[in-house]
């Protein structure tokens, strides 16, 4: 009897292990298949012929550059990405976003003057637009009708995707600008704002795609109202720079699924600014200082200087002070985490 019991137990454990291994293989194959499908879509898109758009008088052309989210950057080696735990219909909008909404966008030149506030001096900082206070709903499909500078920014972002939201679900919200340099009536303005895209269409629940932030600079002639240069992009120097949040079902009472990944490229750029021969800025701050000012406007905790670990060790030894060391998966000073 004891022998039969052991034999039964052995076969029971064997079949449980076999069943578990089969589930793992199916999960692994499904994940691999989705990645291969996306990679194939990206390759097909790169091989396709782009339609050339011609701007009319009074408009300036901006080149649109976009590379889709790197799916291999999502999740981890143990649990994988949450994308493969969702039904395909809820994530198709992301998987199919393999190219920008437009390859070239045309913006009326005078609209860029919305970024400028007369009377500003080098180093000054100002709000581009206010961020709404309080909690904003996840369950939104269509952005509001914008006006002023928000309309300009919304039109620029529609170059990438047709459904941008300038008031993000999470704070800090809004946009800021700082005057980096001047030369007579020519000004160089650095900008930063937070925005996100909602990818799904009703009746599906929203899929939120939130880049770390948008930043860049523009050069204007404030006397002639001419835009001399424009550059807007999502920084890609960190390993993770975009947050994803979506519903794994079509029940709004379910918890949102979350992942964080890497977006290689999202950029708008005009032709280079060459200026006149021997052109020089008469007054300017450093680019690092301009970027730091914008960062501090969004995040007051950045008033404290944070250093890479190796630099902190050297400074701590020199000043005989302790180190407060912080380790994070993601970043506190942008919207990707």
C-alpha atoms as a PDB file:
ATOM      1  CA  UNK A   1       0.000   0.000   0.000  1.00  0.00           C
ATOM      2  CA  UNK A   2       2.836   2.339   0.907  1.00  0.00           C
ATOM      3  CA  UNK A   3       4.498   1.603  -2.464  1.00  0.00           C
ATOM      4  CA  UNK A   4       1.287   2.401  -4.398  1.00  0.00           C
ATOM      5  CA  UNK A   5       0.926   5.677  -2.524  1.00  0.00           C
ATOM      6  CA  UNK A   6       4.485   6.712  -3.411  1.00  0.00           C
ATOM      7  CA  UNK A   7       3.916   5.702  -7.031  1.00  0.00           C
ATOM      8  CA  UNK A   8       0.722   7.785  -7.196  1.00  0.00           C
ATOM      9  CA  UNK A   9       2.503  10.757  -5.603  1.00  0.00           C
ATOM     10  CA  UNK A  10       5.368  10.509  -8.087  1.00  0.00           C
ATOM     11  CA  UNK A  11       3.051  10.574 -11.118  1.00  0.00           C
ATOM     12  CA  UNK A  12       1.004  13.416  -9.625  1.00  0.00           C
ATOM     13  CA  UNK A  13       4.099  15.604  -9.163  1.00  0.00           C
ATOM     14  CA  UNK A  14       5.336  14.665 -12.647  1.00  0.00           C
ATOM     15  CA  UNK A  15       2.089  15.734 -14.359  1.00  0.00           C
ATOM     16  CA  UNK A  16       1.859  18.981 -12.354  1.00  0.00           C
ATOM     17  CA  UNK A  17       5.422  19.866 -13.380  1.00  0.00           C
ATOM     18  CA  UNK A  18       4.679  18.972 -16.999  1.00  0.00           C
ATOM     19  CA  UNK A  19       1.544  21.143 -16.994  1.00  0.00           C
ATOM     20  CA  UNK A  20       3.444  24.093 -15.510  1.00  0.00           C
ATOM     21  CA  UNK A  21       6.225  23.756 -18.084  1.00  0.00           C
ATOM     22  CA  UNK A  22       3.657  23.708 -20.916  1.00  0.00           C
ATOM     23  CA  UNK A  23       2.084  26.953 -19.658  1.00  0.00           C
ATOM     24  CA  UNK A  24       5.524  28.595 -19.464  1.00  0.00           C
ATOM     25  CA  UNK A  25       6.377  27.574 -23.052  1.00  0.00           C
ATOM     26  CA  UNK A  26       3.054  28.960 -24.323  1.00  0.00           C
ATOM     27  CA  UNK A  27       3.604  32.273 -22.461  1.00  0.00           C
ATOM     28  CA  UNK A  28       7.167  32.525 -23.798  1.00  0.00           C
ATOM     29  CA  UNK A  29       6.112  31.783 -27.384  1.00  0.00           C
ATOM     30  CA  UNK A  30       3.249  34.289 -27.224  1.00  0.00           C
ATOM     31  CA  UNK A  31       5.608  37.023 -25.972  1.00  0.00           C
ATOM     32  CA  UNK A  32       8.169  36.196 -28.675  1.00  0.00           C
ATOM     33  CA  UNK A  33       5.497  36.190 -31.385  1.00  0.00           C
ATOM     34  CA  UNK A  34       4.247  39.643 -30.396  1.00  0.00           C
ATOM     35  CA  UNK A  35       7.775  41.056 -30.467  1.00  0.00           C
ATOM     36  CA  UNK A  36       8.434  39.510 -33.894  1.00  0.00           C
ATOM     37  CA  UNK A  37       5.136  40.860 -35.254  1.00  0.00           C
ATOM     38  CA  UNK A  38       5.992  44.361 -34.042  1.00  0.00           C
ATOM     39  CA  UNK A  39       9.551  44.185 -35.415  1.00  0.00           C
ATOM     40  CA  UNK A  40       8.153  43.090 -38.792  1.00  0.00           C
ATOM     41  CA  UNK A  41       5.697  45.991 -38.778  1.00  0.00           C
ATOM     42  CA  UNK A  42       8.499  48.453 -38.007  1.00  0.00           C
ATOM     43  CA  UNK A  43      10.651  47.015 -40.826  1.00  0.00           C
ATOM     44  CA  UNK A  44       7.734  47.207 -43.279  1.00  0.00           C
ATOM     45  CA  UNK A  45       7.092  50.811 -42.300  1.00  0.00           C
ATOM     46  CA  UNK A  46      10.719  51.789 -42.834  1.00  0.00           C
ATOM     47  CA  UNK A  47      10.636  50.294 -46.322  1.00  0.00           C
ATOM     48  CA  UNK A  48       7.465  52.148 -47.332  1.00  0.00           C
ATOM     49  CA  UNK A  49       7.521  55.304 -49.473  1.00  0.00           C
ATOM     50  CA  UNK A  50       6.669  58.519 -47.602  1.00  0.00           C
ATOM     51  CA  UNK A  51       4.195  60.993 -49.068  1.00  0.00           C
ATOM     52  CA  UNK A  52       5.827  64.408 -49.474  1.00  0.00           C
ATOM     53  CA  UNK A  53       3.778  67.362 -48.213  1.00  0.00           C
ATOM     54  CA  UNK A  54       4.289  70.888 -49.536  1.00  0.00           C
ATOM     55  CA  UNK A  55       3.804  73.864 -47.219  1.00  0.00           C
ATOM     56  CA  UNK A  56       1.947  76.954 -48.430  1.00  0.00           C
ATOM     57  CA  UNK A  57       3.077  80.583 -48.211  1.00  0.00           C
ATOM     58  CA  UNK A  58       3.347  81.737 -44.621  1.00  0.00           C
ATOM     59  CA  UNK A  59       3.944  78.210 -43.301  1.00  0.00           C
ATOM     60  CA  UNK A  60       7.234  76.663 -42.214  1.00  0.00           C
ATOM     61  CA  UNK A  61       8.050  72.956 -42.624  1.00  0.00           C
ATOM     62  CA  UNK A  62       9.106  70.781 -39.688  1.00  0.00           C
ATOM     63  CA  UNK A  63      10.584  67.334 -40.214  1.00  0.00           C
ATOM     64  CA  UNK A  64       8.922  64.651 -38.084  1.00  0.00           C
ATOM     65  CA  UNK A  65      11.080  61.807 -36.823  1.00  0.00           C
ATOM     66  CA  UNK A  66       9.684  58.912 -34.803  1.00  0.00           C
ATOM     67  CA  UNK A  67      10.789  55.413 -33.867  1.00  0.00           C
ATOM     68  CA  UNK A  68       8.243  53.247 -32.027  1.00  0.00           C
ATOM     69  CA  UNK A  69       8.523  52.004 -28.485  1.00  0.00           C
ATOM     70  CA  UNK A  70      11.124  49.283 -27.998  1.00  0.00           C
ATOM     71  CA  UNK A  71       8.986  46.393 -26.708  1.00  0.00           C
ATOM     72  CA  UNK A  72      12.060  44.531 -25.511  1.00  0.00           C
ATOM     73  CA  UNK A  73      12.646  47.303 -22.965  1.00  0.00           C
ATOM     74  CA  UNK A  74       9.369  46.498 -21.169  1.00  0.00           C
ATOM     75  CA  UNK A  75       8.962  44.302 -18.076  1.00  0.00           C
ATOM     76  CA  UNK A  76      11.775  42.146 -16.755  1.00  0.00           C
ATOM     77  CA  UNK A  77      13.298  38.704 -17.281  1.00  0.00           C
ATOM     78  CA  UNK A  78      11.182  37.130 -14.520  1.00  0.00           C
ATOM     79  CA  UNK A  79       7.624  38.334 -15.097  1.00  0.00           C
ATOM     80  CA  UNK A  80       7.938  39.758 -18.625  1.00  0.00           C
ATOM     81  CA  UNK A  81       5.863  42.653 -19.897  1.00  0.00           C
ATOM     82  CA  UNK A  82       2.291  43.279 -18.829  1.00  0.00           C
ATOM     83  CA  UNK A  83       1.421  43.710 -22.508  1.00  0.00           C
ATOM     84  CA  UNK A  84       1.357  39.948 -23.078  1.00  0.00           C
ATOM     85  CA  UNK A  85      -1.105  39.577 -20.202  1.00  0.00           C
ATOM     86  CA  UNK A  86      -3.679  41.713 -22.054  1.00  0.00           C
ATOM     87  CA  UNK A  87      -6.065  40.815 -24.827  1.00  0.00           C
ATOM     88  CA  UNK A  88      -4.734  42.001 -28.190  1.00  0.00           C
ATOM     89  CA  UNK A  89      -7.610  44.358 -28.957  1.00  0.00           C
ATOM     90  CA  UNK A  90      -6.729  46.507 -25.930  1.00  0.00           C
ATOM     91  CA  UNK A  91      -3.082  46.989 -26.955  1.00  0.00           C
ATOM     92  CA  UNK A  92      -3.338  46.993 -30.765  1.00  0.00           C
ATOM     93  CA  UNK A  93      -3.276  50.785 -30.881  1.00  0.00           C
ATOM     94  CA  UNK A  94       0.208  50.740 -29.375  1.00  0.00           C
ATOM     95  CA  UNK A  95       1.464  47.833 -31.486  1.00  0.00           C
ATOM     96  CA  UNK A  96       0.218  49.516 -34.664  1.00  0.00           C
ATOM     97  CA  UNK A  97       1.765  52.919 -33.895  1.00  0.00           C
ATOM     98  CA  UNK A  98       4.826  52.278 -36.047  1.00  0.00           C
ATOM     99  CA  UNK A  99       5.106  55.647 -37.814  1.00  0.00           C
ATOM    100  CA  UNK A 100       4.253  59.294 -37.119  1.00  0.00           C
ATOM    101  CA  UNK A 101       0.911  60.820 -37.984  1.00  0.00           C
ATOM    102  CA  UNK A 102       2.733  63.005 -40.529  1.00  0.00           C
ATOM    103  CA  UNK A 103       6.211  62.811 -42.034  1.00  0.00           C
ATOM    104  CA  UNK A 104       6.382  66.572 -42.416  1.00  0.00           C
ATOM    105  CA  UNK A 105       4.213  69.136 -40.687  1.00  0.00           C
ATOM    106  CA  UNK A 106       3.475  72.705 -41.773  1.00  0.00           C
ATOM    107  CA  UNK A 107       2.815  75.396 -39.168  1.00  0.00           C
ATOM    108  CA  UNK A 108       1.930  79.030 -39.808  1.00  0.00           C
ATOM    109  CA  UNK A 109       5.094  80.941 -38.982  1.00  0.00           C
ATOM    110  CA  UNK A 110       3.450  83.713 -36.965  1.00  0.00           C
ATOM    111  CA  UNK A 111       2.047  81.150 -34.487  1.00  0.00           C
ATOM    112  CA  UNK A 112       5.512  80.521 -33.050  1.00  0.00           C
ATOM    113  CA  UNK A 113       5.405  84.016 -31.537  1.00  0.00           C
ATOM    114  CA  UNK A 114       3.001  82.525 -28.952  1.00  0.00           C
ATOM    115  CA  UNK A 115       6.113  81.156 -27.218  1.00  0.00           C
ATOM    116  CA  UNK A 116       7.521  84.662 -26.671  1.00  0.00           C
ATOM    117  CA  UNK A 117       6.664  87.181 -23.936  1.00  0.00           C
ATOM    118  CA  UNK A 118       8.007  90.701 -24.625  1.00  0.00           C
ATOM    119  CA  UNK A 119      10.188  92.367 -21.994  1.00  0.00           C
ATOM    120  CA  UNK A 120      11.973  89.221 -20.825  1.00  0.00           C
ATOM    121  CA  UNK A 121      15.696  89.249 -20.030  1.00  0.00           C
ATOM    122  CA  UNK A 122      18.295  86.502 -20.370  1.00  0.00           C
ATOM    123  CA  UNK A 123      17.758  83.953 -17.592  1.00  0.00           C
ATOM    124  CA  UNK A 124      14.112  84.887 -17.037  1.00  0.00           C
ATOM    125  CA  UNK A 125      11.577  82.055 -16.872  1.00  0.00           C
ATOM    126  CA  UNK A 126       7.831  82.189 -17.564  1.00  0.00           C
ATOM    127  CA  UNK A 127       4.834  79.904 -17.856  1.00  0.00           C
ATOM    128  CA  UNK A 128       3.754  78.817 -21.302  1.00  0.00           C
ATOM    129  CA  UNK A 129       0.453  77.605 -19.903  1.00  0.00           C
ATOM    130  CA  UNK A 130      -1.026  76.724 -16.518  1.00  0.00           C
ATOM    131  CA  UNK A 131      -1.398  73.191 -15.275  1.00  0.00           C
ATOM    132  CA  UNK A 132      -4.842  72.249 -13.996  1.00  0.00           C
ATOM    133  CA  UNK A 133      -5.071  71.485 -10.278  1.00  0.00           C
ATOM    134  CA  UNK A 134      -6.521  68.329  -8.795  1.00  0.00           C
ATOM    135  CA  UNK A 135      -6.999  64.784 -10.035  1.00  0.00           C
ATOM    136  CA  UNK A 136      -7.883  64.158 -13.677  1.00  0.00           C
ATOM    137  CA  UNK A 137      -9.752  61.076 -14.842  1.00  0.00           C
ATOM    138  CA  UNK A 138      -8.088  58.132 -16.585  1.00  0.00           C
ATOM    139  CA  UNK A 139     -11.284  57.496 -18.522  1.00  0.00           C
ATOM    140  CA  UNK A 140     -10.965  60.234 -21.158  1.00  0.00           C
ATOM    141  CA  UNK A 141     -10.859  59.630 -24.895  1.00  0.00           C
ATOM    142  CA  UNK A 142     -10.910  63.033 -26.576  1.00  0.00           C
ATOM    143  CA  UNK A 143      -8.866  66.102 -25.555  1.00  0.00           C
ATOM    144  CA  UNK A 144     -10.599  69.464 -25.138  1.00  0.00           C
ATOM    145  CA  UNK A 145     -10.477  72.222 -27.753  1.00  0.00           C
ATOM    146  CA  UNK A 146      -7.341  74.253 -27.012  1.00  0.00           C
ATOM    147  CA  UNK A 147      -6.600  77.904 -27.708  1.00  0.00           C
ATOM    148  CA  UNK A 148      -3.537  80.146 -27.704  1.00  0.00           C
ATOM    149  CA  UNK A 149      -0.184  78.509 -27.011  1.00  0.00           C
ATOM    150  CA  UNK A 150      -1.868  75.238 -26.044  1.00  0.00           C
ATOM    151  CA  UNK A 151      -3.437  75.070 -29.523  1.00  0.00           C
ATOM    152  CA  UNK A 152      -0.010  75.581 -31.097  1.00  0.00           C
ATOM    153  CA  UNK A 153       1.556  72.822 -28.972  1.00  0.00           C
ATOM    154  CA  UNK A 154      -1.365  70.479 -29.597  1.00  0.00           C
ATOM    155  CA  UNK A 155      -1.020  70.957 -33.371  1.00  0.00           C
ATOM    156  CA  UNK A 156       2.707  70.241 -33.125  1.00  0.00           C
ATOM    157  CA  UNK A 157       2.139  67.041 -31.139  1.00  0.00           C
ATOM    158  CA  UNK A 158      -0.460  65.827 -33.626  1.00  0.00           C
ATOM    159  CA  UNK A 159       2.468  65.350 -35.986  1.00  0.00           C
ATOM    160  CA  UNK A 160       3.198  62.202 -33.961  1.00  0.00           C
ATOM    161  CA  UNK A 161      -0.310  61.068 -33.012  1.00  0.00           C
ATOM    162  CA  UNK A 162      -3.752  62.591 -33.477  1.00  0.00           C
ATOM    163  CA  UNK A 163      -4.806  62.481 -29.815  1.00  0.00           C
ATOM    164  CA  UNK A 164      -2.494  64.502 -27.514  1.00  0.00           C
ATOM    165  CA  UNK A 165      -3.523  65.687 -24.035  1.00  0.00           C
ATOM    166  CA  UNK A 166      -1.703  68.731 -22.645  1.00  0.00           C
ATOM    167  CA  UNK A 167      -3.170  68.341 -19.170  1.00  0.00           C
ATOM    168  CA  UNK A 168      -1.619  65.072 -18.003  1.00  0.00           C
ATOM    169  CA  UNK A 169      -3.395  62.810 -15.536  1.00  0.00           C
ATOM    170  CA  UNK A 170      -0.621  63.277 -12.991  1.00  0.00           C
ATOM    171  CA  UNK A 171       1.141  66.393 -11.797  1.00  0.00           C
ATOM    172  CA  UNK A 172       3.286  68.350 -12.437  1.00  0.00           C
ATOM    173  CA  UNK A 173       1.382  69.741 -15.411  1.00  0.00           C
ATOM    174  CA  UNK A 174       1.828  72.714 -17.684  1.00  0.00           C
ATOM    175  CA  UNK A 175       4.726  74.241 -19.600  1.00  0.00           C
ATOM    176  CA  UNK A 176       7.596  76.678 -19.014  1.00  0.00           C
ATOM    177  CA  UNK A 177      10.046  78.686 -21.103  1.00  0.00           C
ATOM    178  CA  UNK A 178      13.290  80.494 -20.347  1.00  0.00           C
ATOM    179  CA  UNK A 179      15.270  83.043 -22.344  1.00  0.00           C
ATOM    180  CA  UNK A 180      18.638  81.455 -23.085  1.00  0.00           C
ATOM    181  CA  UNK A 181      20.256  84.079 -25.335  1.00  0.00           C
ATOM    182  CA  UNK A 182      19.709  87.334 -27.235  1.00  0.00           C
ATOM    183  CA  UNK A 183      21.309  89.251 -30.095  1.00  0.00           C
ATOM    184  CA  UNK A 184      19.349  92.425 -30.787  1.00  0.00           C
ATOM    185  CA  UNK A 185      15.817  91.361 -31.746  1.00  0.00           C
ATOM    186  CA  UNK A 186      16.805  87.682 -32.089  1.00  0.00           C
ATOM    187  CA  UNK A 187      16.027  85.483 -29.074  1.00  0.00           C
ATOM    188  CA  UNK A 188      16.776  81.841 -28.252  1.00  0.00           C
ATOM    189  CA  UNK A 189      14.071  80.306 -26.032  1.00  0.00           C
ATOM    190  CA  UNK A 190      14.309  76.941 -24.287  1.00  0.00           C
ATOM    191  CA  UNK A 191      11.028  75.201 -23.491  1.00  0.00           C
ATOM    192  CA  UNK A 192       9.711  72.234 -21.539  1.00  0.00           C
ATOM    193  CA  UNK A 193       6.191  70.894 -21.147  1.00  0.00           C
ATOM    194  CA  UNK A 194       4.462  67.665 -20.084  1.00  0.00           C
ATOM    195  CA  UNK A 195       1.916  65.934 -22.337  1.00  0.00           C
ATOM    196  CA  UNK A 196       0.617  62.456 -23.094  1.00  0.00           C
ATOM    197  CA  UNK A 197      -1.240  60.585 -25.820  1.00  0.00           C
ATOM    198  CA  UNK A 198      -4.414  58.517 -25.522  1.00  0.00           C
ATOM    199  CA  UNK A 199      -4.215  55.770 -28.136  1.00  0.00           C
ATOM    200  CA  UNK A 200      -7.514  53.829 -28.015  1.00  0.00           C
ATOM    201  CA  UNK A 201     -10.851  54.692 -29.584  1.00  0.00           C
ATOM    202  CA  UNK A 202     -14.238  54.054 -28.030  1.00  0.00           C
ATOM    203  CA  UNK A 203     -15.737  51.650 -27.103  1.00  0.00           C
ATOM    204  CA  UNK A 204     -12.313  50.462 -25.864  1.00  0.00           C
ATOM    205  CA  UNK A 205     -11.100  51.982 -22.624  1.00  0.00           C
ATOM    206  CA  UNK A 206      -8.123  54.378 -22.833  1.00  0.00           C
ATOM    207  CA  UNK A 207      -4.496  53.402 -23.382  1.00  0.00           C
ATOM    208  CA  UNK A 208      -2.193  56.134 -22.049  1.00  0.00           C
ATOM    209  CA  UNK A 209       1.246  56.739 -23.555  1.00  0.00           C
ATOM    210  CA  UNK A 210       3.186  59.240 -21.412  1.00  0.00           C
ATOM    211  CA  UNK A 211       6.680  60.361 -22.522  1.00  0.00           C
ATOM    212  CA  UNK A 212       9.080  61.634 -19.863  1.00  0.00           C
ATOM    213  CA  UNK A 213       8.646  65.205 -21.138  1.00  0.00           C
ATOM    214  CA  UNK A 214       9.012  67.366 -24.238  1.00  0.00           C
ATOM    215  CA  UNK A 215      11.819  69.890 -24.466  1.00  0.00           C
ATOM    216  CA  UNK A 216      13.809  71.862 -27.016  1.00  0.00           C
ATOM    217  CA  UNK A 217      14.424  75.395 -28.224  1.00  0.00           C
ATOM    218  CA  UNK A 218      13.335  77.908 -30.822  1.00  0.00           C
ATOM    219  CA  UNK A 219      15.011  80.994 -32.262  1.00  0.00           C
ATOM    220  CA  UNK A 220      12.756  83.933 -33.143  1.00  0.00           C
ATOM    221  CA  UNK A 221      13.233  87.353 -34.651  1.00  0.00           C
ATOM    222  CA  UNK A 222      10.874  89.352 -32.459  1.00  0.00           C
ATOM    223  CA  UNK A 223      10.998  92.353 -34.796  1.00  0.00           C
ATOM    224  CA  UNK A 224       9.997  90.576 -38.009  1.00  0.00           C
ATOM    225  CA  UNK A 225       7.960  87.793 -36.311  1.00  0.00           C
ATOM    226  CA  UNK A 226      10.061  85.189 -38.109  1.00  0.00           C
ATOM    227  CA  UNK A 227      10.832  81.718 -36.790  1.00  0.00           C
ATOM    228  CA  UNK A 228      14.504  81.028 -37.530  1.00  0.00           C
ATOM    229  CA  UNK A 229      14.839  77.616 -35.875  1.00  0.00           C
ATOM    230  CA  UNK A 230      12.704  75.086 -33.992  1.00  0.00           C
ATOM    231  CA  UNK A 231      13.565  71.817 -32.264  1.00  0.00           C
ATOM    232  CA  UNK A 232      11.272  69.742 -30.033  1.00  0.00           C
ATOM    233  CA  UNK A 233      11.954  66.225 -28.782  1.00  0.00           C
ATOM    234  CA  UNK A 234      11.532  63.620 -26.062  1.00  0.00           C
ATOM    235  CA  UNK A 235      14.914  63.028 -24.346  1.00  0.00           C
ATOM    236  CA  UNK A 236      16.252  59.510 -24.946  1.00  0.00           C
ATOM    237  CA  UNK A 237      19.416  59.503 -22.832  1.00  0.00           C
ATOM    238  CA  UNK A 238      17.872  57.407 -20.041  1.00  0.00           C
ATOM    239  CA  UNK A 239      17.149  53.693 -20.310  1.00  0.00           C
ATOM    240  CA  UNK A 240      13.429  54.243 -19.595  1.00  0.00           C
ATOM    241  CA  UNK A 241      11.582  57.309 -20.850  1.00  0.00           C
ATOM    242  CA  UNK A 242       7.903  56.479 -21.380  1.00  0.00           C
ATOM    243  CA  UNK A 243       5.107  55.285 -19.097  1.00  0.00           C
ATOM    244  CA  UNK A 244       2.278  53.025 -20.334  1.00  0.00           C
ATOM    245  CA  UNK A 245      -1.038  52.602 -18.533  1.00  0.00           C
ATOM    246  CA  UNK A 246      -4.070  50.753 -19.863  1.00  0.00           C
ATOM    247  CA  UNK A 247      -6.982  48.503 -18.947  1.00  0.00           C
ATOM    248  CA  UNK A 248      -6.421  44.803 -19.594  1.00  0.00           C
ATOM    249  CA  UNK A 249     -10.175  44.419 -20.077  1.00  0.00           C
ATOM    250  CA  UNK A 250     -13.063  46.695 -20.957  1.00  0.00           C
ATOM    251  CA  UNK A 251     -14.198  47.105 -17.352  1.00  0.00           C
ATOM    252  CA  UNK A 252     -13.313  50.555 -15.911  1.00  0.00           C
ATOM    253  CA  UNK A 253     -13.555  49.123 -12.382  1.00  0.00           C
ATOM    254  CA  UNK A 254     -10.489  46.931 -13.033  1.00  0.00           C
ATOM    255  CA  UNK A 255      -7.059  48.131 -12.005  1.00  0.00           C
ATOM    256  CA  UNK A 256      -4.899  49.794 -14.633  1.00  0.00           C
ATOM    257  CA  UNK A 257      -2.036  47.747 -16.026  1.00  0.00           C
ATOM    258  CA  UNK A 258       1.308  49.554 -15.981  1.00  0.00           C
ATOM    259  CA  UNK A 259       4.665  49.247 -17.686  1.00  0.00           C
ATOM    260  CA  UNK A 260       7.635  51.494 -18.444  1.00  0.00           C
ATOM    261  CA  UNK A 261       9.853  51.341 -21.494  1.00  0.00           C
ATOM    262  CA  UNK A 262      12.189  53.061 -23.932  1.00  0.00           C
ATOM    263  CA  UNK A 263      11.174  55.349 -26.794  1.00  0.00           C
ATOM    264  CA  UNK A 264      14.175  55.762 -29.147  1.00  0.00           C
ATOM    265  CA  UNK A 265      13.008  58.829 -31.061  1.00  0.00           C
ATOM    266  CA  UNK A 266      10.227  61.445 -31.081  1.00  0.00           C
ATOM    267  CA  UNK A 267      11.362  64.718 -32.653  1.00  0.00           C
ATOM    268  CA  UNK A 268      10.265  67.790 -34.616  1.00  0.00           C
ATOM    269  CA  UNK A 269      12.965  69.875 -36.286  1.00  0.00           C
ATOM    270  CA  UNK A 270      13.227  72.753 -38.729  1.00  0.00           C
ATOM    271  CA  UNK A 271      16.103  73.555 -41.057  1.00  0.00           C
ATOM    272  CA  UNK A 272      19.286  74.598 -39.194  1.00  0.00           C
ATOM    273  CA  UNK A 273      19.767  78.231 -38.217  1.00  0.00           C
ATOM    274  CA  UNK A 274      22.939  79.580 -39.777  1.00  0.00           C
ATOM    275  CA  UNK A 275      22.391  83.253 -39.083  1.00  0.00           C
ATOM    276  CA  UNK A 276      24.477  85.922 -40.688  1.00  0.00           C
ATOM    277  CA  UNK A 277      28.196  85.533 -41.131  1.00  0.00           C
ATOM    278  CA  UNK A 278      30.065  85.933 -37.828  1.00  0.00           C
ATOM    279  CA  UNK A 279      26.759  85.827 -35.918  1.00  0.00           C
ATOM    280  CA  UNK A 280      27.231  85.775 -32.150  1.00  0.00           C
ATOM    281  CA  UNK A 281      24.878  85.985 -29.201  1.00  0.00           C
ATOM    282  CA  UNK A 282      25.448  89.243 -27.331  1.00  0.00           C
ATOM    283  CA  UNK A 283      24.171  87.758 -24.053  1.00  0.00           C
ATOM    284  CA  UNK A 284      23.536  84.139 -23.090  1.00  0.00           C
ATOM    285  CA  UNK A 285      23.423  81.600 -20.300  1.00  0.00           C
ATOM    286  CA  UNK A 286      24.666  78.030 -20.599  1.00  0.00           C
ATOM    287  CA  UNK A 287      22.372  75.348 -22.012  1.00  0.00           C
ATOM    288  CA  UNK A 288      22.838  73.409 -18.772  1.00  0.00           C
ATOM    289  CA  UNK A 289      21.612  76.378 -16.755  1.00  0.00           C
ATOM    290  CA  UNK A 290      18.569  76.847 -19.008  1.00  0.00           C
ATOM    291  CA  UNK A 291      17.621  73.180 -18.705  1.00  0.00           C
ATOM    292  CA  UNK A 292      18.151  73.272 -14.943  1.00  0.00           C
ATOM    293  CA  UNK A 293      15.841  76.277 -14.572  1.00  0.00           C
ATOM    294  CA  UNK A 294      13.053  74.501 -16.431  1.00  0.00           C
ATOM    295  CA  UNK A 295      13.557  71.356 -14.367  1.00  0.00           C
ATOM    296  CA  UNK A 296      13.346  73.275 -11.090  1.00  0.00           C
ATOM    297  CA  UNK A 297      10.154  75.012 -12.216  1.00  0.00           C
ATOM    298  CA  UNK A 298       8.449  71.600 -12.378  1.00  0.00           C
ATOM    299  CA  UNK A 299      10.185  69.941  -9.432  1.00  0.00           C
ATOM    300  CA  UNK A 300      11.045  72.090  -6.386  1.00  0.00           C
ATOM    301  CA  UNK A 301      13.103  69.218  -4.888  1.00  0.00           C
ATOM    302  CA  UNK A 302      15.622  69.842  -7.696  1.00  0.00           C
ATOM    303  CA  UNK A 303      16.677  72.994  -5.833  1.00  0.00           C
ATOM    304  CA  UNK A 304      18.986  70.551  -4.060  1.00  0.00           C
ATOM    305  CA  UNK A 305      21.908  69.450  -6.223  1.00  0.00           C
ATOM    306  CA  UNK A 306      21.912  65.717  -7.002  1.00  0.00           C
ATOM    307  CA  UNK A 307      25.172  64.128  -8.119  1.00  0.00           C
ATOM    308  CA  UNK A 308      26.186  60.844  -9.773  1.00  0.00           C
ATOM    309  CA  UNK A 309      27.402  58.348  -7.173  1.00  0.00           C
ATOM    310  CA  UNK A 310      31.095  58.658  -8.062  1.00  0.00           C
ATOM    311  CA  UNK A 311      31.013  62.466  -7.856  1.00  0.00           C
ATOM    312  CA  UNK A 312      29.100  62.319  -4.561  1.00  0.00           C
ATOM    313  CA  UNK A 313      31.812  60.112  -3.020  1.00  0.00           C
ATOM    314  CA  UNK A 314      34.552  62.583  -3.985  1.00  0.00           C
ATOM    315  CA  UNK A 315      32.588  65.549  -2.634  1.00  0.00           C
ATOM    316  CA  UNK A 316      31.675  63.726   0.583  1.00  0.00           C
ATOM    317  CA  UNK A 317      35.332  62.921   1.249  1.00  0.00           C
ATOM    318  CA  UNK A 318      36.382  66.494   0.536  1.00  0.00           C
ATOM    319  CA  UNK A 319      33.704  68.010   2.774  1.00  0.00           C
ATOM    320  CA  UNK A 320      33.683  65.192   5.368  1.00  0.00           C
ATOM    321  CA  UNK A 321      29.949  64.647   4.998  1.00  0.00           C
ATOM    322  CA  UNK A 322      27.640  61.641   4.756  1.00  0.00           C
ATOM    323  CA  UNK A 323      25.922  60.538   1.548  1.00  0.00           C
ATOM    324  CA  UNK A 324      22.170  60.166   1.107  1.00  0.00           C
ATOM    325  CA  UNK A 325      21.993  57.558  -1.677  1.00  0.00           C
ATOM    326  CA  UNK A 326      18.737  56.985  -3.629  1.00  0.00           C
ATOM    327  CA  UNK A 327      18.151  54.030  -5.977  1.00  0.00           C
ATOM    328  CA  UNK A 328      15.076  54.067  -8.239  1.00  0.00           C
ATOM    329  CA  UNK A 329      13.551  52.095 -11.111  1.00  0.00           C
ATOM    330  CA  UNK A 330      12.789  55.087 -13.296  1.00  0.00           C
ATOM    331  CA  UNK A 331      13.143  58.789 -12.561  1.00  0.00           C
ATOM    332  CA  UNK A 332      11.520  61.248 -10.166  1.00  0.00           C
ATOM    333  CA  UNK A 333      12.178  64.284 -12.361  1.00  0.00           C
ATOM    334  CA  UNK A 334      10.032  63.363 -15.354  1.00  0.00           C
ATOM    335  CA  UNK A 335       6.628  61.802 -16.190  1.00  0.00           C
ATOM    336  CA  UNK A 336       7.888  58.345 -17.182  1.00  0.00           C
ATOM    337  CA  UNK A 337       7.827  56.996 -13.612  1.00  0.00           C
END
